[in-house]
C-alpha atoms as a PDB file:
ATOM      1  CA  MET A   1      25.310  19.577 -13.603  1.00  0.00           C
ATOM      2  CA  SER A   2      27.343  20.433 -17.230  1.00  0.00           C
ATOM      3  CA  PRO A   3      26.595  22.554 -19.762  1.00  0.00           C
ATOM      4  CA  ARG A   4      24.497  21.699 -22.511  1.00  0.00           C
ATOM      5  CA  ASN A   5      24.361  21.821 -26.338  1.00  0.00           C
ATOM      6  CA  ARG A   6      22.714  25.480 -27.058  1.00  0.00           C
ATOM      7  CA  LYS A   7      21.619  26.790 -30.282  1.00  0.00           C
ATOM      8  CA  ASP A   8      23.703  29.501 -30.082  1.00  0.00           C
ATOM      9  CA  PRO A   9      27.418  28.468 -29.659  1.00  0.00           C
ATOM     10  CA  ALA A  10      27.926  31.367 -27.501  1.00  0.00           C
ATOM     11  CA  ASP A  11      25.917  29.841 -24.768  1.00  0.00           C
ATOM     12  CA  ALA A  12      27.650  26.915 -24.655  1.00  0.00           C
ATOM     13  CA  TRP A  13      28.715  27.737 -21.251  1.00  0.00           C
ATOM     14  CA  VAL A  14      25.163  27.942 -19.940  1.00  0.00           C
ATOM     15  CA  PRO A  15      24.065  25.029 -17.915  1.00  0.00           C
ATOM     16  CA  MET A  16      21.145  22.794 -18.187  1.00  0.00           C
ATOM     17  CA  ARG A  17      17.764  24.605 -17.214  1.00  0.00           C
ATOM     18  CA  VAL A  18      19.290  27.722 -16.839  1.00  0.00           C
ATOM     19  CA  TYR A  19      17.597  30.270 -19.613  1.00  0.00           C
ATOM     20  CA  ARG A  20      17.302  34.176 -20.195  1.00  0.00           C
ATOM     21  CA  LEU A  21      13.703  35.030 -19.341  1.00  0.00           C
ATOM     22  CA  LYS A  22      12.329  39.224 -19.515  1.00  0.00           C
ATOM     23  CA  THR A  23      14.499  40.542 -16.968  1.00  0.00           C
ATOM     24  CA  LYS A  24      16.743  37.924 -15.806  1.00  0.00           C
ATOM     25  CA  TRP A  25      18.487  34.624 -15.957  1.00  0.00           C
ATOM     26  CA  TYR A  26      16.645  31.725 -14.341  1.00  0.00           C
ATOM     27  CA  PHE A  27      17.078  28.231 -13.241  1.00  0.00           C
ATOM     28  CA  VAL A  28      13.669  26.498 -14.422  1.00  0.00           C
ATOM     29  CA  PRO A  29      13.355  23.143 -12.301  1.00  0.00           C
ATOM     30  CA  LYS A  30      10.863  20.242 -13.725  1.00  0.00           C
ATOM     31  CA  ILE A  31       8.800  20.986 -10.729  1.00  0.00           C
ATOM     32  CA  GLY A  32       8.388  24.285  -8.824  1.00  0.00           C
ATOM     33  CA  ARG A  33       8.371  27.791  -9.183  1.00  0.00           C
ATOM     34  CA  LYS A  34      11.479  29.490 -12.038  1.00  0.00           C
ATOM     35  CA  VAL A  35      14.549  30.455  -9.611  1.00  0.00           C
ATOM     36  CA  PRO A  36      16.177  33.952 -10.343  1.00  0.00           C
ATOM     37  CA  LEU A  37      20.142  33.649 -10.545  1.00  0.00           C
ATOM     38  CA  ALA A  38      21.109  37.115 -11.911  1.00  0.00           C
ATOM     39  CA  PRO A  39      20.278  39.893 -14.301  1.00  0.00           C
ATOM     40  CA  LEU A  40      20.390  39.729 -18.063  1.00  0.00           C
ATOM     41  CA  ASP A  41      23.584  41.901 -18.057  1.00  0.00           C
ATOM     42  CA  ALA A  42      25.100  39.868 -15.977  1.00  0.00           C
ATOM     43  CA  LYS A  43      28.736  38.281 -16.604  1.00  0.00           C
ATOM     44  CA  PRO A  44      28.887  34.353 -17.554  1.00  0.00           C
ATOM     45  CA  ALA A  45      31.181  34.090 -14.457  1.00  0.00           C
ATOM     46  CA  ALA A  46      28.225  35.750 -12.144  1.00  0.00           C
ATOM     47  CA  VAL A  47      25.686  33.515 -13.343  1.00  0.00           C
ATOM     48  CA  LEU A  48      27.722  30.542 -13.260  1.00  0.00           C
ATOM     49  CA  GLN A  49      28.247  31.460  -9.462  1.00  0.00           C
ATOM     50  CA  ALA A  50      24.756  32.311  -9.001  1.00  0.00           C
ATOM     51  CA  TYR A  51      23.565  28.724 -10.156  1.00  0.00           C
ATOM     52  CA  ASN A  52      26.582  27.136  -8.423  1.00  0.00           C
ATOM     53  CA  ASP A  53      25.376  28.484  -4.942  1.00  0.00           C
ATOM     54  CA  TYR A  54      21.551  27.762  -5.427  1.00  0.00           C
ATOM     55  CA  MET A  55      22.558  23.949  -6.106  1.00  0.00           C
ATOM     56  CA  ALA A  56      24.700  23.815  -3.375  1.00  0.00           C
ATOM     57  CA  SER A  57      21.837  25.031  -1.422  1.00  0.00           C
ATOM     58  CA  LEU A  58      19.593  22.119  -2.640  1.00  0.00           C
ATOM     59  CA  GLU A  59      22.276  19.733  -0.747  1.00  0.00           C
ATOM     60  CA  GLN A  60      20.918  21.519   2.392  1.00  0.00           C
ATOM     61  CA  ALA A  61      18.008  20.409   4.603  1.00  0.00           C
ATOM     62  CA  ASP A  62      15.656  22.419   2.320  1.00  0.00           C
ATOM     63  CA  THR A  63      14.531  19.758  -0.415  1.00  0.00           C
ATOM     64  CA  VAL A  64      11.807  17.514  -0.827  1.00  0.00           C
ATOM     65  CA  GLU A  65      14.580  14.587  -0.504  1.00  0.00           C
ATOM     66  CA  SER A  66      15.623  16.190   2.320  1.00  0.00           C
ATOM     67  CA  LEU A  67      12.443  16.297   3.647  1.00  0.00           C
ATOM     68  CA  VAL A  68      11.733  12.722   2.414  1.00  0.00           C
ATOM     69  CA  ASN A  69      15.145  11.500   4.180  1.00  0.00           C
ATOM     70  CA  ALA A  70      14.658  13.016   7.239  1.00  0.00           C
ATOM     71  CA  TYR A  71      11.176  11.642   7.721  1.00  0.00           C
ATOM     72  CA  LEU A  72      12.325   7.891   6.709  1.00  0.00           C
ATOM     73  CA  ALA A  73      14.835   7.996   9.540  1.00  0.00           C
ATOM     74  CA  SER A  74      12.437   9.235  12.231  1.00  0.00           C
ATOM     75  CA  PRO A  75      11.191   7.342  14.850  1.00  0.00           C
ATOM     76  CA  GLN A  76       7.658   7.899  13.158  1.00  0.00           C
ATOM     77  CA  PHE A  77       8.414   6.091  10.247  1.00  0.00           C
ATOM     78  CA  LYS A  78      10.127   3.322  12.203  1.00  0.00           C
ATOM     79  CA  SER A  79       7.085   2.675  14.344  1.00  0.00           C
ATOM     80  CA  ARG A  80       5.165   1.553  11.555  1.00  0.00           C
ATOM     81  CA  ALA A  81       4.448  -1.702  10.184  1.00  0.00           C
ATOM     82  CA  VAL A  82       7.099  -3.520   8.215  1.00  0.00           C
ATOM     83  CA  LYS A  83       4.906  -3.790   5.446  1.00  0.00           C
ATOM     84  CA  THR A  84       4.250  -0.403   5.539  1.00  0.00           C
ATOM     85  CA  GLN A  85       7.396   0.857   5.713  1.00  0.00           C
ATOM     86  CA  LYS A  86       8.283  -1.544   2.515  1.00  0.00           C
ATOM     87  CA  GLY A  87       5.078   0.741   0.686  1.00  0.00           C
ATOM     88  CA  TYR A  88       6.288   3.957   2.141  1.00  0.00           C
ATOM     89  CA  ILE A  89      10.197   3.467   0.631  1.00  0.00           C
ATOM     90  CA  ASN A  90       9.078   2.459  -2.751  1.00  0.00           C
ATOM     91  CA  ASN A  91       7.050   5.581  -2.848  1.00  0.00           C
ATOM     92  CA  ALA A  92       9.610   7.536  -1.823  1.00  0.00           C
ATOM     93  CA  ASP A  93      11.393   6.450  -4.592  1.00  0.00           C
ATOM     94  CA  LEU A  94       9.393   7.754  -7.288  1.00  0.00           C
ATOM     95  CA  ILE A  95       8.856  10.955  -4.993  1.00  0.00           C
ATOM     96  CA  LYS A  96      12.527  11.721  -4.750  1.00  0.00           C
ATOM     97  CA  ARG A  97      13.465  10.862  -8.495  1.00  0.00           C
ATOM     98  CA  VAL A  98      10.362  13.504  -9.572  1.00  0.00           C
ATOM     99  CA  PHE A  99      10.300  16.163  -6.636  1.00  0.00           C
ATOM    100  CA  GLY A 100      13.647  15.120  -4.731  1.00  0.00           C
ATOM    101  CA  LYS A 101      15.579  18.475  -5.768  1.00  0.00           C
ATOM    102  CA  ALA A 102      13.177  21.145  -5.752  1.00  0.00           C
ATOM    103  CA  HIS A 103      13.280  23.284  -2.551  1.00  0.00           C
ATOM    104  CA  VAL A 104      10.176  22.179  -0.245  1.00  0.00           C
ATOM    105  CA  ASP A 105       8.654  25.384  -0.531  1.00  0.00           C
ATOM    106  CA  GLU A 106       8.494  25.683  -4.393  1.00  0.00           C
ATOM    107  CA  VAL A 107       6.100  22.649  -4.834  1.00  0.00           C
ATOM    108  CA  ASN A 108       2.251  23.906  -5.232  1.00  0.00           C
ATOM    109  CA  PRO A 109      -1.098  21.786  -5.407  1.00  0.00           C
ATOM    110  CA  GLN A 110      -0.525  22.577  -9.265  1.00  0.00           C
ATOM    111  CA  ASP A 111       2.661  20.505  -9.062  1.00  0.00           C
ATOM    112  CA  ILE A 112       0.958  17.643  -7.476  1.00  0.00           C
ATOM    113  CA  ARG A 113      -1.930  17.239  -9.458  1.00  0.00           C
ATOM    114  CA  GLN A 114       0.233  17.279 -12.998  1.00  0.00           C
ATOM    115  CA  PHE A 115       2.218  14.854 -11.337  1.00  0.00           C
ATOM    116  CA  MET A 116      -1.206  12.954 -10.077  1.00  0.00           C
ATOM    117  CA  ASP A 117      -2.400  13.337 -14.049  1.00  0.00           C
ATOM    118  CA  LEU A 118       0.578  12.032 -15.333  1.00  0.00           C
ATOM    119  CA  ARG A 119       1.349   9.042 -12.438  1.00  0.00           C
ATOM    120  CA  GLY A 120      -2.637   8.189 -13.080  1.00  0.00           C
ATOM    121  CA  GLN A 121      -2.333   7.093 -16.726  1.00  0.00           C
ATOM    122  CA  LYS A 122      -0.104   4.315 -15.762  1.00  0.00           C
ATOM    123  CA  SER A 123      -1.849   3.756 -12.252  1.00  0.00           C
ATOM    124  CA  GLU A 124      -4.393   5.914 -10.615  1.00  0.00           C
ATOM    125  CA  THR A 125      -4.229   3.597  -7.582  1.00  0.00           C
ATOM    126  CA  ALA A 126      -0.244   3.892  -7.471  1.00  0.00           C
ATOM    127  CA  ALA A 127      -0.734   7.920  -8.115  1.00  0.00           C
ATOM    128  CA  ASN A 128      -3.037   7.909  -4.721  1.00  0.00           C
ATOM    129  CA  ARG A 129      -0.810   6.126  -2.722  1.00  0.00           C
ATOM    130  CA  GLU A 130       2.487   8.354  -3.944  1.00  0.00           C
ATOM    131  CA  LYS A 131       0.581  11.499  -3.749  1.00  0.00           C
ATOM    132  CA  ALA A 132      -0.715  10.358  -0.091  1.00  0.00           C
ATOM    133  CA  PHE A 133       3.057   9.426   1.441  1.00  0.00           C
ATOM    134  CA  LEU A 134       3.758  12.268   0.114  1.00  0.00           C
ATOM    135  CA  SER A 135       1.155  14.238   1.967  1.00  0.00           C
ATOM    136  CA  LEU A 136       1.995  12.601   5.206  1.00  0.00           C
ATOM    137  CA  VAL A 137       5.901  13.408   4.537  1.00  0.00           C
ATOM    138  CA  TYR A 138       4.943  17.164   4.213  1.00  0.00           C
ATOM    139  CA  SER A 139       2.622  17.319   7.693  1.00  0.00           C
ATOM    140  CA  TRP A 140       5.301  15.427   9.313  1.00  0.00           C
ATOM    141  CA  GLY A 141       7.537  18.390   8.217  1.00  0.00           C
ATOM    142  CA  TYR A 142       5.161  20.975   8.692  1.00  0.00           C
ATOM    143  CA  GLU A 143       4.810  20.062  12.533  1.00  0.00           C
ATOM    144  CA  ARG A 144       8.839  20.062  12.787  1.00  0.00           C
ATOM    145  CA  GLY A 145       8.962  23.671  10.997  1.00  0.00           C
ATOM    146  CA  LYS A 146      11.216  22.066   7.656  1.00  0.00           C
ATOM    147  CA  CYS A 147       8.289  23.350   5.663  1.00  0.00           C
ATOM    148  CA  GLN A 148       5.980  25.961   5.177  1.00  0.00           C
ATOM    149  CA  SER A 149       2.831  24.189   4.099  1.00  0.00           C
ATOM    150  CA  ASN A 150       1.284  21.277   2.473  1.00  0.00           C
ATOM    151  CA  PRO A 151       1.116  21.491  -1.313  1.00  0.00           C
ATOM    152  CA  CYS A 152      -0.916  18.133  -1.408  1.00  0.00           C
ATOM    153  CA  LYS A 153      -3.552  19.615   0.269  1.00  0.00           C
ATOM    154  CA  GLY A 154      -7.123  20.148  -1.478  1.00  0.00           C
ATOM    155  CA  VAL A 155      -5.677  18.260  -4.422  1.00  0.00           C
ATOM    156  CA  ARG A 156      -8.236  15.161  -5.092  1.00  0.00           C
ATOM    157  CA  LYS A 157      -7.446  11.558  -5.312  1.00  0.00           C
ATOM    158  CA  PHE A 158      -8.536   9.406  -8.077  1.00  0.00           C
ATOM    159  CA  THR A 159     -11.739   7.641  -7.341  1.00  0.00           C
ATOM    160  CA  GLU A 160     -10.709   3.853  -6.585  1.00  0.00           C
ATOM    161  CA  THR A 161     -13.427   0.942  -7.031  1.00  0.00           C
ATOM    162  CA  ALA A 162     -13.956  -1.102  -4.311  1.00  0.00           C
ATOM    163  CA  ARG A 163     -13.307  -4.982  -4.601  1.00  0.00           C
ATOM    164  CA  ASP A 164     -16.193  -6.590  -4.425  1.00  0.00           C
ATOM    165  CA  ARG A 165     -15.144 -10.021  -5.290  1.00  0.00           C
ATOM    166  CA  TYR A 166     -17.029 -12.758  -2.845  1.00  0.00           C
ATOM    167  CA  VAL A 167     -16.082 -16.223  -3.299  1.00  0.00           C
ATOM    168  CA  GLU A 168     -18.512 -18.987  -3.466  1.00  0.00           C
ATOM    169  CA  ASN A 169     -18.353 -22.071  -1.274  1.00  0.00           C
ATOM    170  CA  TRP A 170     -17.997 -24.518  -4.299  1.00  0.00           C
ATOM    171  CA  GLU A 171     -14.935 -21.854  -5.447  1.00  0.00           C
ATOM    172  CA  PHE A 172     -13.116 -22.481  -2.306  1.00  0.00           C
ATOM    173  CA  ASP A 173     -13.539 -26.066  -1.866  1.00  0.00           C
ATOM    174  CA  LEU A 174     -12.222 -26.150  -5.652  1.00  0.00           C
ATOM    175  CA  LEU A 175      -9.162 -24.051  -4.878  1.00  0.00           C
ATOM    176  CA  HIS A 176      -8.632 -25.962  -1.488  1.00  0.00           C
ATOM    177  CA  SER A 177      -8.415 -28.954  -3.316  1.00  0.00           C
ATOM    178  CA  HIS A 178      -5.744 -28.298  -5.393  1.00  0.00           C
ATOM    179  CA  ALA A 179      -3.820 -26.952  -2.835  1.00  0.00           C
ATOM    180  CA  SER A 180      -0.729 -28.139  -0.780  1.00  0.00           C
ATOM    181  CA  PRO A 181      -1.186 -29.558   2.666  1.00  0.00           C
ATOM    182  CA  ARG A 182      -0.042 -26.195   4.410  1.00  0.00           C
ATOM    183  CA  LEU A 183      -2.190 -23.721   2.086  1.00  0.00           C
ATOM    184  CA  GLN A 184      -5.010 -26.109   2.615  1.00  0.00           C
ATOM    185  CA  SER A 185      -4.523 -25.288   6.781  1.00  0.00           C
ATOM    186  CA  ALA A 186      -3.973 -22.032   5.936  1.00  0.00           C
ATOM    187  CA  MET A 187      -7.400 -21.191   3.939  1.00  0.00           C
ATOM    188  CA  VAL A 188      -9.184 -22.769   6.844  1.00  0.00           C
ATOM    189  CA  VAL A 189      -7.710 -20.719   9.177  1.00  0.00           C
ATOM    190  CA  LEU A 190      -8.063 -17.634   6.721  1.00  0.00           C
ATOM    191  CA  TYR A 191     -11.774 -18.271   6.447  1.00  0.00           C
ATOM    192  CA  LEU A 192     -12.563 -19.584  10.103  1.00  0.00           C
ATOM    193  CA  THR A 193     -11.361 -16.608  11.699  1.00  0.00           C
ATOM    194  CA  ALA A 194     -11.135 -13.505   9.545  1.00  0.00           C
ATOM    195  CA  MET A 195      -7.370 -12.914  10.637  1.00  0.00           C
ATOM    196  CA  ARG A 196      -4.918 -12.019   8.164  1.00  0.00           C
ATOM    197  CA  LYS A 197      -2.550 -13.896   5.672  1.00  0.00           C
ATOM    198  CA  LYS A 198       0.484 -11.761   8.034  1.00  0.00           C
ATOM    199  CA  ASP A 199      -1.035 -12.655  11.259  1.00  0.00           C
ATOM    200  CA  VAL A 200      -1.571 -16.180  10.237  1.00  0.00           C
ATOM    201  CA  LEU A 201       1.874 -17.032   9.626  1.00  0.00           C
ATOM    202  CA  LYS A 202       3.269 -15.721  12.704  1.00  0.00           C
ATOM    203  CA  LEU A 203       0.926 -17.713  14.984  1.00  0.00           C
ATOM    204  CA  VAL A 204       3.294 -19.557  17.666  1.00  0.00           C
ATOM    205  CA  ARG A 205       2.370 -22.304  19.823  1.00  0.00           C
ATOM    206  CA  PRO A 206       1.756 -20.368  22.885  1.00  0.00           C
ATOM    207  CA  ASP A 207      -0.652 -18.244  21.099  1.00  0.00           C
ATOM    208  CA  LEU A 208      -2.770 -21.465  20.899  1.00  0.00           C
ATOM    209  CA  ARG A 209      -4.541 -21.458  24.312  1.00  0.00           C
ATOM    210  CA  ASP A 210      -7.235 -23.351  26.248  1.00  0.00           C
ATOM    211  CA  ASP A 211      -9.953 -21.255  24.786  1.00  0.00           C
ATOM    212  CA  GLY A 212      -9.078 -20.413  21.557  1.00  0.00           C
ATOM    213  CA  VAL A 213      -6.319 -19.017  19.638  1.00  0.00           C
ATOM    214  CA  TYR A 214      -4.975 -15.291  20.611  1.00  0.00           C
ATOM    215  CA  VAL A 215      -3.897 -12.802  18.055  1.00  0.00           C
ATOM    216  CA  LYS A 216      -2.941  -9.004  18.170  1.00  0.00           C
ATOM    217  CA  GLN A 217      -3.709  -7.761  14.674  1.00  0.00           C
ATOM    218  CA  SER A 218      -0.634  -6.840  13.319  1.00  0.00           C
ATOM    219  CA  LYS A 219      -2.757  -4.072  11.283  1.00  0.00           C
ATOM    220  CA  THR A 220      -5.436  -2.397  13.972  1.00  0.00           C
ATOM    221  CA  GLY A 221      -3.330  -3.729  17.335  1.00  0.00           C
ATOM    222  CA  VAL A 222      -6.992  -5.102  18.288  1.00  0.00           C
ATOM    223  CA  LYS A 223      -6.489  -8.174  20.421  1.00  0.00           C
ATOM    224  CA  GLN A 224      -8.971 -11.373  19.773  1.00  0.00           C
ATOM    225  CA  LEU A 225      -8.755 -14.803  21.433  1.00  0.00           C
ATOM    226  CA  LYS A 226     -11.010 -16.710  18.181  1.00  0.00           C
ATOM    227  CA  GLU A 227     -12.491 -19.403  20.098  1.00  0.00           C
ATOM    228  CA  TRP A 228     -11.916 -23.068  19.310  1.00  0.00           C
ATOM    229  CA  THR A 229     -14.272 -25.148  16.750  1.00  0.00           C
ATOM    230  CA  PRO A 230     -13.558 -28.892  15.643  1.00  0.00           C
ATOM    231  CA  GLU A 231     -12.685 -27.344  12.535  1.00  0.00           C
ATOM    232  CA  LEU A 232     -10.305 -24.945  13.766  1.00  0.00           C
ATOM    233  CA  ARG A 233      -8.574 -27.286  16.116  1.00  0.00           C
ATOM    234  CA  GLN A 234      -8.314 -29.843  12.874  1.00  0.00           C
ATOM    235  CA  ALA A 235      -6.559 -26.941  10.650  1.00  0.00           C
ATOM    236  CA  ILE A 236      -4.233 -25.750  13.412  1.00  0.00           C
ATOM    237  CA  ASN A 237      -3.499 -29.322  14.344  1.00  0.00           C
ATOM    238  CA  ALA A 238      -2.475 -30.575  10.724  1.00  0.00           C
ATOM    239  CA  ALA A 239      -0.393 -27.543  10.352  1.00  0.00           C
ATOM    240  CA  LEU A 240       1.492 -28.458  13.558  1.00  0.00           C
ATOM    241  CA  ALA A 241       1.830 -32.069  12.310  1.00  0.00           C
ATOM    242  CA  LEU A 242       3.601 -30.796   8.859  1.00  0.00           C
ATOM    243  CA  PRO A 243       7.425 -31.973   8.444  1.00  0.00           C
ATOM    244  CA  SER A 244      10.307 -30.155  10.129  1.00  0.00           C
ATOM    245  CA  ALA A 245      13.610 -31.165  10.636  1.00  0.00           C
ATOM    246  CA  HIS A 246      13.699 -29.620  14.280  1.00  0.00           C
ATOM    247  CA  PRO A 247      11.132 -28.468  16.597  1.00  0.00           C
ATOM    248  CA  THR A 248       9.685 -25.618  16.472  1.00  0.00           C
ATOM    249  CA  MET A 249       7.553 -23.026  18.223  1.00  0.00           C
ATOM    250  CA  TYR A 250       5.882 -21.733  14.993  1.00  0.00           C
ATOM    251  CA  VAL A 251       2.245 -23.170  13.813  1.00  0.00           C
ATOM    252  CA  PHE A 252       3.036 -22.486  10.383  1.00  0.00           C
ATOM    253  CA  HIS A 253       6.445 -23.799   9.650  1.00  0.00           C
ATOM    254  CA  ASN A 254       9.140 -24.393   6.975  1.00  0.00           C
ATOM    255  CA  SER A 255      11.077 -27.844   6.507  1.00  0.00           C
ATOM    256  CA  SER A 256      13.699 -26.469   8.838  1.00  0.00           C
ATOM    257  CA  GLY A 257      11.379 -25.441  11.465  1.00  0.00           C
ATOM    258  CA  GLY A 258      11.504 -21.701  11.242  1.00  0.00           C
ATOM    259  CA  PRO A 259       8.722 -19.850  10.224  1.00  0.00           C
ATOM    260  CA  LEU A 260       6.830 -19.994   6.932  1.00  0.00           C
ATOM    261  CA  GLY A 261       7.203 -16.842   4.970  1.00  0.00           C
ATOM    262  CA  GLU A 262       4.470 -15.100   2.695  1.00  0.00           C
ATOM    263  CA  SER A 263       6.364 -15.675  -0.454  1.00  0.00           C
ATOM    264  CA  SER A 264       6.338 -19.422   0.268  1.00  0.00           C
ATOM    265  CA  LEU A 265       2.117 -19.311   0.734  1.00  0.00           C
ATOM    266  CA  ASN A 266       2.141 -17.214  -2.267  1.00  0.00           C
ATOM    267  CA  ASN A 267       4.299 -20.114  -4.199  1.00  0.00           C
ATOM    268  CA  ASP A 268       1.545 -22.678  -3.124  1.00  0.00           C
ATOM    269  CA  TRP A 269      -1.417 -20.136  -3.940  1.00  0.00           C
ATOM    270  CA  ARG A 270      -0.017 -19.758  -7.444  1.00  0.00           C
ATOM    271  CA  GLU A 271       0.393 -23.274  -7.844  1.00  0.00           C
ATOM    272  CA  ALA A 272      -3.027 -24.086  -6.817  1.00  0.00           C
ATOM    273  CA  TRP A 273      -4.565 -21.507  -9.029  1.00  0.00           C
ATOM    274  CA  ALA A 274      -2.838 -23.629 -11.752  1.00  0.00           C
ATOM    275  CA  LEU A 275      -3.994 -26.833 -11.382  1.00  0.00           C
ATOM    276  CA  ALA A 276      -7.764 -25.248 -10.275  1.00  0.00           C
ATOM    277  CA  ILE A 277      -7.897 -23.111 -13.959  1.00  0.00           C
ATOM    278  CA  LYS A 278      -6.588 -26.242 -15.610  1.00  0.00           C
ATOM    279  CA  ALA A 279      -9.464 -28.320 -14.013  1.00  0.00           C
ATOM    280  CA  VAL A 280     -12.369 -25.172 -14.666  1.00  0.00           C
ATOM    281  CA  PRO A 281     -10.830 -22.767 -16.994  1.00  0.00           C
ATOM    282  CA  THR A 282     -13.768 -20.412 -16.281  1.00  0.00           C
ATOM    283  CA  LEU A 283     -12.861 -19.791 -12.922  1.00  0.00           C
ATOM    284  CA  GLU A 284     -12.800 -16.419 -11.723  1.00  0.00           C
ATOM    285  CA  ARG A 285      -9.700 -15.341 -10.173  1.00  0.00           C
ATOM    286  CA  PHE A 286      -9.699 -14.500  -6.648  1.00  0.00           C
ATOM    287  CA  THR A 287      -6.810 -13.420  -4.382  1.00  0.00           C
ATOM    288  CA  ILE A 288      -5.845 -14.986  -0.587  1.00  0.00           C
ATOM    289  CA  HIS A 289      -6.952 -11.762   1.149  1.00  0.00           C
ATOM    290  CA  ASP A 290     -10.409 -12.325  -0.499  1.00  0.00           C
ATOM    291  CA  LEU A 291     -10.765 -15.369   2.056  1.00  0.00           C
ATOM    292  CA  LYS A 292     -11.342 -12.483   4.646  1.00  0.00           C
ATOM    293  CA  ALA A 293     -13.965 -10.721   2.864  1.00  0.00           C
ATOM    294  CA  LYS A 294     -15.715 -14.173   2.484  1.00  0.00           C
ATOM    295  CA  SER A 295     -15.301 -15.191   6.209  1.00  0.00           C
ATOM    296  CA  ILE A 296     -16.785 -11.586   7.109  1.00  0.00           C
ATOM    297  CA  SER A 297     -19.174 -11.968   4.570  1.00  0.00           C
ATOM    298  CA  ASP A 298     -20.595 -15.450   5.709  1.00  0.00           C
ATOM    299  CA  PHE A 299     -20.518 -14.611   9.566  1.00  0.00           C
ATOM    300  CA  GLN A 300     -23.624 -14.507  11.659  1.00  0.00           C
ATOM    301  CA  GLY A 301     -23.791 -11.833  14.198  1.00  0.00           C
ATOM    302  CA  ASP A 302     -21.732  -8.786  14.821  1.00  0.00           C
ATOM    303  CA  LYS A 303     -19.146  -8.520  12.437  1.00  0.00           C
ATOM    304  CA  GLN A 304     -17.123  -5.895  13.240  1.00  0.00           C
ATOM    305  CA  ALA A 305     -16.374  -7.269  17.134  1.00  0.00           C
ATOM    306  CA  PHE A 306     -15.645 -10.616  14.824  1.00  0.00           C
ATOM    307  CA  SER A 307     -13.592  -9.094  12.358  1.00  0.00           C
ATOM    308  CA  GLY A 308     -11.599  -6.661  14.905  1.00  0.00           C
ATOM    309  CA  HIS A 309     -12.206  -3.642  12.584  1.00  0.00           C
ATOM    310  CA  LYS A 310     -12.298  -0.154  14.603  1.00  0.00           C
ATOM    311  CA  THR A 311     -15.277   1.128  12.111  1.00  0.00           C
ATOM    312  CA  GLU A 312     -18.492  -0.221  10.684  1.00  0.00           C
ATOM    313  CA  ARG A 313     -16.968   1.551   7.619  1.00  0.00           C
ATOM    314  CA  GLN A 314     -14.026  -0.985   7.093  1.00  0.00           C
ATOM    315  CA  VAL A 315     -16.533  -3.808   7.958  1.00  0.00           C
ATOM    316  CA  ALA A 316     -18.431  -2.747   4.821  1.00  0.00           C
ATOM    317  CA  THR A 317     -15.962  -3.132   2.235  1.00  0.00           C
ATOM    318  CA  TYR A 318     -15.620  -6.688   3.132  1.00  0.00           C
ATOM    319  CA  ASP A 319     -19.369  -7.395   3.588  1.00  0.00           C
ATOM    320  CA  ARG A 320     -19.504  -8.391  -0.058  1.00  0.00           C
ATOM    321  CA  LYS A 321     -22.309 -11.525   0.199  1.00  0.00           C
ATOM    322  CA  ILE A 322     -25.122 -10.574  -2.076  1.00  0.00           C
ATOM    323  CA  LYS A 323     -28.045  -9.479  -0.142  1.00  0.00           C
ATOM    324  CA  ARG A 324     -31.519 -11.608  -0.244  1.00  0.00           C
ATOM    325  CA  THR A 325     -34.750  -9.303  -0.420  1.00  0.00           C
ATOM    326  CA  PRO A 326     -38.494 -10.673  -0.779  1.00  0.00           C
ATOM    327  CA  THR A 327     -39.903 -10.258  -3.933  1.00  0.00           C
ATOM    328  CA  LEU A 328     -43.511  -8.511  -4.367  1.00  0.00           C
ATOM    329  CA  LYS A 329     -46.268 -10.557  -5.100  1.00  0.00           C
ATOM    330  CA  MET A 330     -48.689 -10.041  -8.065  1.00  0.00           C
ATOM    331  CA  LYS A 331     -52.192  -9.087  -6.936  1.00  0.00           C
ATOM    332  CA  GLN A 332     -54.799 -11.787  -8.117  1.00  0.00           C
ATOM    333  CA  LYS A 333     -58.222 -10.817  -9.794  1.00  0.00           C
ATOM    334  CA  GLY A 334     -60.335  -9.880  -7.371  1.00  0.00           C
ATOM    335  CA  ASP A 335     -57.969  -8.815  -4.679  1.00  0.00           C
ATOM    336  CA  GLU A 336     -58.984  -5.602  -3.131  1.00  0.00           C
ATOM    337  CA  SER A 337     -57.153  -2.617  -4.689  1.00  0.00           C
END
């Protein structure tokens, strides 16, 4: 790191973030504790040597950046779902920019809180995700002797408002009427089975069994057999009948016979919405994932078994249909009090 301009020309040799404080020369990082370098009466050569030694130490395996990189190279990270890995990598980029050069044991809960408050001004949800990732990294490192504690512990996350959008039948039908044939099939399968979009798109012909559609949920690992109904068979058959240049094993496939990508289905979704909004400008937006919530909300029976969620609390976040209750009747004159 090169020297910067100082008020006193005689201090032009002093590196960035190095300051004279009460008793010593210190390196003052953006995040974390200040680091003593040399006594105030030390010669410039001694201060520079101490500074260079400290900066060299940051290249060793004791910085937040090195800890994050070690986790991203670990079997624990590689065992995560691909989508989860991508999210962690995005979180890691910002974490390394903010905390990367700090020693792992210099970061304290107050630093995390300051980061959360600043990041939360733009996105509280993103701040929660990034803090959760950093906490995961520190917990992983603590178990392996790479850090002394987890500074994220005790730092509260922002309260997130649970999504409560329930898709009415007429709204589903309206969007379905403007959707491409492959999106129409996907919407019906998503609704009838409460599967995730990712799990629907990876369906292959061997998953279509005599008594239902086999699925191993990518997020929970739960294995299910979604029993056939005439509507489900019709939607699956419609997907299989979509044009393909080559024989394909994928239920939802592209024109070449390969698996239909999420981006392609998302494009279909955007195009359907453009047409639906043009037809009904007041239509309130909903996401393709909201179809899972509609499915669970509409299902009459054991919602947890149907959805494949591991806890009732998870099911509750998807059960969004307004509950009907009886109304108290007014007493008539002459009725006993």
